[in-house]
């Protein structure tokens, strides 16, 4: 049986893989803030659609094992699930995050055009992340190599606006966007109690970018 990570919140991608490994089913997992329907299942062709409240991302192994059994058989008793919900009702009152206004069009580059092109070429059009330019105030972070970021839980990619300039070649911006799209697609690798953001699988996929070496060379040159 697959081991669950300890002492940190499980991410959505990991939980999807866990359920698939334990049930042998093709799972489409959606994490919601819907407290009226904490856990629901719906079959669509060969895929089982599983929707569950985000508080289960911090559930223990006993609860997740019971969810696994529930996916296999909806008629089972769900005492651990009910107890977990009752013990964490205070978390249901947390306000949802403020809706973010996506900004695709920059002064020189349109992120959505770049994202859509990369999505078709490398991800078969199946990458579902949102993308936006970050705040102008984060320009100084470029020195710390935070040219982009991907929030796994909200599936949101932010690109540092320092890259929105004619001196930055498009292939390098594409590489940064592709890098963050890989984070969205692959998620976080978990082994025991350790999480790896840049796993071997991630690094292998990263090298598939058509301008990989060229992008790295430009980055080294630009940083002097």
Protein backbone atom coordinates (compact mmCIF):
# COMPACT_ATOMS: atom_id res chain seq x y z
CA UNK A 1 0.00 0.00 0.00
CA UNK A 2 1.23 3.50 -0.85
CA UNK A 3 2.47 5.48 2.14
CA UNK A 4 0.92 8.83 2.88
CA UNK A 5 3.07 11.85 3.71
CA UNK A 6 3.18 12.94 7.32
CA UNK A 7 3.10 16.30 9.10
CA UNK A 8 2.12 18.47 6.16
CA UNK A 9 -0.92 19.20 4.04
CA UNK A 10 -1.38 16.85 1.10
CA UNK A 11 -1.65 18.50 -2.29
CA UNK A 12 -4.38 17.78 -4.83
CA UNK A 13 -2.15 16.06 -7.39
CA UNK A 14 -0.74 13.68 -4.80
CA UNK A 15 -4.22 12.82 -3.50
CA UNK A 16 -5.45 12.07 -7.02
CA UNK A 17 -2.59 9.65 -7.59
CA UNK A 18 -3.11 8.07 -4.18
CA UNK A 19 -6.80 7.37 -4.90
CA UNK A 20 -5.96 5.99 -8.35
CA UNK A 21 -3.27 3.69 -6.99
CA UNK A 22 -5.47 2.42 -4.16
CA UNK A 23 -8.69 1.93 -6.15
CA UNK A 24 -7.36 1.05 -9.61
CA UNK A 25 -9.81 3.58 -11.06
CA UNK A 26 -9.23 6.55 -13.36
CA UNK A 27 -9.91 9.50 -11.03
CA UNK A 28 -10.74 13.11 -11.84
CA UNK A 29 -10.35 14.97 -8.54
CA UNK A 30 -11.80 18.40 -7.80
CA UNK A 31 -11.13 20.11 -4.45
CA UNK A 32 -13.89 22.56 -3.53
CA UNK A 33 -15.06 24.98 -0.83
CA UNK A 34 -18.59 23.57 -1.00
CA UNK A 35 -19.54 22.75 2.59
CA UNK A 36 -23.00 21.56 1.51
CA UNK A 37 -21.47 18.61 -0.36
CA UNK A 38 -18.29 17.55 1.38
CA UNK A 39 -17.70 14.40 -0.67
CA UNK A 40 -19.43 13.27 -3.84
CA UNK A 41 -18.85 10.76 -6.63
CA UNK A 42 -20.07 10.71 -10.21
CA UNK A 43 -19.12 8.35 -12.99
CA UNK A 44 -18.48 9.77 -16.47
CA UNK A 45 -17.64 7.15 -19.09
CA UNK A 46 -14.41 5.49 -17.87
CA UNK A 47 -13.58 8.22 -15.33
CA UNK A 48 -14.83 8.62 -11.77
CA UNK A 49 -15.36 12.27 -10.84
CA UNK A 50 -14.51 12.82 -7.17
CA UNK A 51 -15.33 16.15 -5.52
CA UNK A 52 -14.27 16.75 -1.93
CA UNK A 53 -13.90 19.69 0.41
CA UNK A 54 -10.41 21.09 0.84
CA UNK A 55 -10.34 20.30 4.58
CA UNK A 56 -9.60 16.70 3.55
CA UNK A 57 -6.20 17.86 2.29
CA UNK A 58 -5.14 17.85 5.94
CA UNK A 59 -6.87 14.57 6.84
CA UNK A 60 -4.94 11.67 8.32
CA UNK A 61 -4.37 8.26 6.79
CA UNK A 62 -7.34 6.68 8.58
CA UNK A 63 -9.75 9.17 6.99
CA UNK A 64 -8.17 8.95 3.53
CA UNK A 65 -8.27 5.17 3.66
CA UNK A 66 -11.98 5.38 4.40
CA UNK A 67 -12.50 7.76 1.47
CA UNK A 68 -10.70 5.18 -0.68
CA UNK A 69 -13.10 2.47 0.51
CA UNK A 70 -16.04 4.83 -0.11
CA UNK A 71 -14.84 5.32 -3.70
CA UNK A 72 -14.84 1.53 -4.10
CA UNK A 73 -18.23 1.09 -2.43
CA UNK A 74 -20.56 3.99 -1.59
CA UNK A 75 -22.59 1.76 0.76
CA UNK A 76 -19.90 1.46 3.43
CA UNK A 77 -20.15 3.17 6.80
CA UNK A 78 -18.13 6.40 6.95
CA UNK A 79 -17.62 6.96 10.65
CA UNK A 80 -14.05 8.30 10.33
CA UNK A 81 -15.10 10.75 7.63
CA UNK A 82 -18.05 12.02 9.70
CA UNK A 83 -15.89 12.38 12.80
CA UNK A 84 -13.25 14.30 10.86
CA UNK A 85 -15.85 16.71 9.48
CA UNK A 86 -17.38 17.25 12.93
CA UNK A 87 -13.97 17.93 14.44
CA UNK A 88 -13.10 20.48 11.76
CA UNK A 89 -16.36 22.39 11.30
CA UNK A 90 -14.57 25.59 12.36
CA UNK A 91 -12.51 25.41 9.16
CA UNK A 92 -15.66 25.58 7.04
CA UNK A 93 -16.17 29.18 8.12
CA UNK A 94 -12.94 30.36 6.51
CA UNK A 95 -13.70 32.86 3.76
CA UNK A 96 -12.67 31.81 0.25
CA UNK A 97 -9.69 33.56 -1.24
CA UNK A 98 -10.33 36.83 -2.97
CA UNK A 99 -10.88 36.39 -6.69
CA UNK A 100 -7.80 37.35 -8.66
CA UNK A 101 -8.09 39.44 -11.80
CA UNK A 102 -5.98 37.75 -14.45
CA UNK A 103 -3.70 40.00 -16.48
CA UNK A 104 -2.54 38.35 -19.68
CA UNK A 105 -1.57 41.27 -21.85
CA UNK A 106 1.67 42.93 -20.87
CA UNK A 107 3.46 45.79 -22.53
CA UNK A 108 5.35 43.49 -24.91
CA UNK A 109 4.05 39.95 -24.36
CA UNK A 110 0.66 38.27 -24.03
CA UNK A 111 0.95 35.41 -21.54
CA UNK A 112 -2.24 33.67 -22.61
CA UNK A 113 -1.04 33.36 -26.21
CA UNK A 114 2.24 31.87 -25.01
CA UNK A 115 0.46 29.58 -22.53
CA UNK A 116 -2.03 28.29 -25.12
CA UNK A 117 0.74 27.59 -27.63
CA UNK A 118 2.81 25.66 -25.06
CA UNK A 119 -0.27 23.84 -23.81
CA UNK A 120 -1.01 22.47 -27.27
CA UNK A 121 2.60 21.61 -28.09
CA UNK A 122 3.68 19.95 -24.83
CA UNK A 123 0.54 19.10 -22.82
CA UNK A 124 -2.00 18.11 -25.45
CA UNK A 125 -4.14 21.08 -24.44
CA UNK A 126 -4.87 19.47 -21.05
CA UNK A 127 -3.01 21.81 -18.70
CA UNK A 128 -5.70 23.60 -16.69
CA UNK A 129 -3.65 26.19 -14.79
CA UNK A 130 -4.54 29.88 -14.84
CA UNK A 131 -1.80 32.37 -15.69
CA UNK A 132 -1.25 36.04 -14.97
CA UNK A 133 1.46 38.66 -14.72
CA UNK A 134 2.50 39.22 -11.11
CA UNK A 135 2.41 42.56 -9.34
CA UNK A 136 4.77 45.24 -10.55
CA UNK A 137 6.14 45.52 -7.03
CA UNK A 138 7.73 42.06 -7.35
CA UNK A 139 10.19 43.16 -10.04
CA UNK A 140 13.04 43.27 -7.53
CA UNK A 141 12.58 39.54 -6.89
CA UNK A 142 14.16 38.78 -10.23
CA UNK A 143 17.52 38.98 -8.49
CA UNK A 144 16.38 36.09 -6.32
CA UNK A 145 15.53 33.99 -9.39
CA UNK A 146 11.76 34.09 -8.73
CA UNK A 147 10.87 34.73 -12.35
CA UNK A 148 7.75 32.63 -12.04
CA UNK A 149 5.73 30.68 -9.51
CA UNK A 150 2.96 28.09 -9.47
CA UNK A 151 0.55 27.70 -6.57
CA UNK A 152 -0.35 24.01 -6.63
CA UNK A 153 -3.47 24.44 -4.49
CA UNK A 154 -5.05 27.24 -6.55
CA UNK A 155 -3.40 26.04 -9.79
CA UNK A 156 -2.30 29.61 -10.51
CA UNK A 157 0.83 30.58 -12.40
CA UNK A 158 2.33 34.03 -11.86
CA UNK A 159 5.06 35.43 -14.06
CA UNK A 160 7.35 38.22 -12.86
CA UNK A 161 6.67 41.35 -14.97
CA UNK A 162 10.42 41.97 -15.14
CA UNK A 163 10.26 39.60 -18.13
CA UNK A 164 7.78 41.81 -19.98
CA UNK A 165 10.42 43.74 -21.89
CA UNK A 166 11.80 43.68 -25.41
CA UNK A 167 15.29 42.81 -24.13
CA UNK A 168 13.96 39.41 -22.95
CA UNK A 169 13.72 37.02 -25.93
CA UNK A 170 10.39 35.27 -26.32
CA UNK A 171 11.96 31.81 -26.12
CA UNK A 172 13.21 32.58 -22.61
CA UNK A 173 9.80 33.80 -21.43
CA UNK A 174 8.30 30.66 -22.99
CA UNK A 175 10.79 28.57 -21.01
CA UNK A 176 9.77 30.22 -17.73
CA UNK A 177 6.07 29.69 -18.50
CA UNK A 178 6.74 26.07 -19.53
CA UNK A 179 8.66 25.48 -16.29
CA UNK A 180 5.69 26.64 -14.21
CA UNK A 181 3.24 24.66 -16.34
CA UNK A 182 5.27 21.55 -15.52
CA UNK A 183 4.78 22.28 -11.81
CA UNK A 184 1.04 22.40 -12.44
CA UNK A 185 1.06 19.18 -14.45
CA UNK A 186 3.43 17.10 -12.32
CA UNK A 187 2.78 18.49 -8.86
CA UNK A 188 4.97 17.61 -5.90
CA UNK A 189 6.69 14.23 -5.66
CA UNK A 190 6.32 12.67 -2.22
CA UNK A 191 8.57 10.00 -0.78
CA UNK A 192 8.11 9.18 2.87
CA UNK A 193 7.98 12.52 4.66
CA UNK A 194 9.92 14.39 1.97
CA UNK A 195 8.48 16.46 -0.85
CA UNK A 196 10.45 17.14 -4.02
CA UNK A 197 9.48 20.06 -6.22
CA UNK A 198 12.03 19.36 -8.96
CA UNK A 199 11.92 15.59 -9.22
CA UNK A 200 13.77 13.45 -11.78
CA UNK A 201 10.55 13.30 -13.79
CA UNK A 202 10.30 17.09 -13.69
CA UNK A 203 13.90 17.62 -14.83
CA UNK A 204 13.50 15.11 -17.66
CA UNK A 205 10.36 16.88 -18.91
CA UNK A 206 12.00 20.28 -18.56
CA UNK A 207 14.73 19.25 -21.01
CA UNK A 208 12.09 18.52 -23.65
CA UNK A 209 11.57 22.25 -24.17
CA UNK A 210 12.75 22.96 -27.70
CA UNK A 211 14.96 25.92 -26.65
CA UNK A 212 16.14 24.43 -23.34
CA UNK A 213 19.90 24.88 -23.80
CA UNK A 214 19.44 28.24 -25.53
CA UNK A 215 17.26 29.53 -22.67
CA UNK A 216 19.74 28.44 -20.00
CA UNK A 217 22.59 30.06 -21.93
CA UNK A 218 20.69 33.35 -22.20
CA UNK A 219 19.87 33.28 -18.47
CA UNK A 220 23.51 32.73 -17.52
CA UNK A 221 24.60 35.55 -19.81
CA UNK A 222 21.93 37.95 -18.55
CA UNK A 223 22.89 37.38 -14.93
CA UNK A 224 26.52 38.09 -15.76
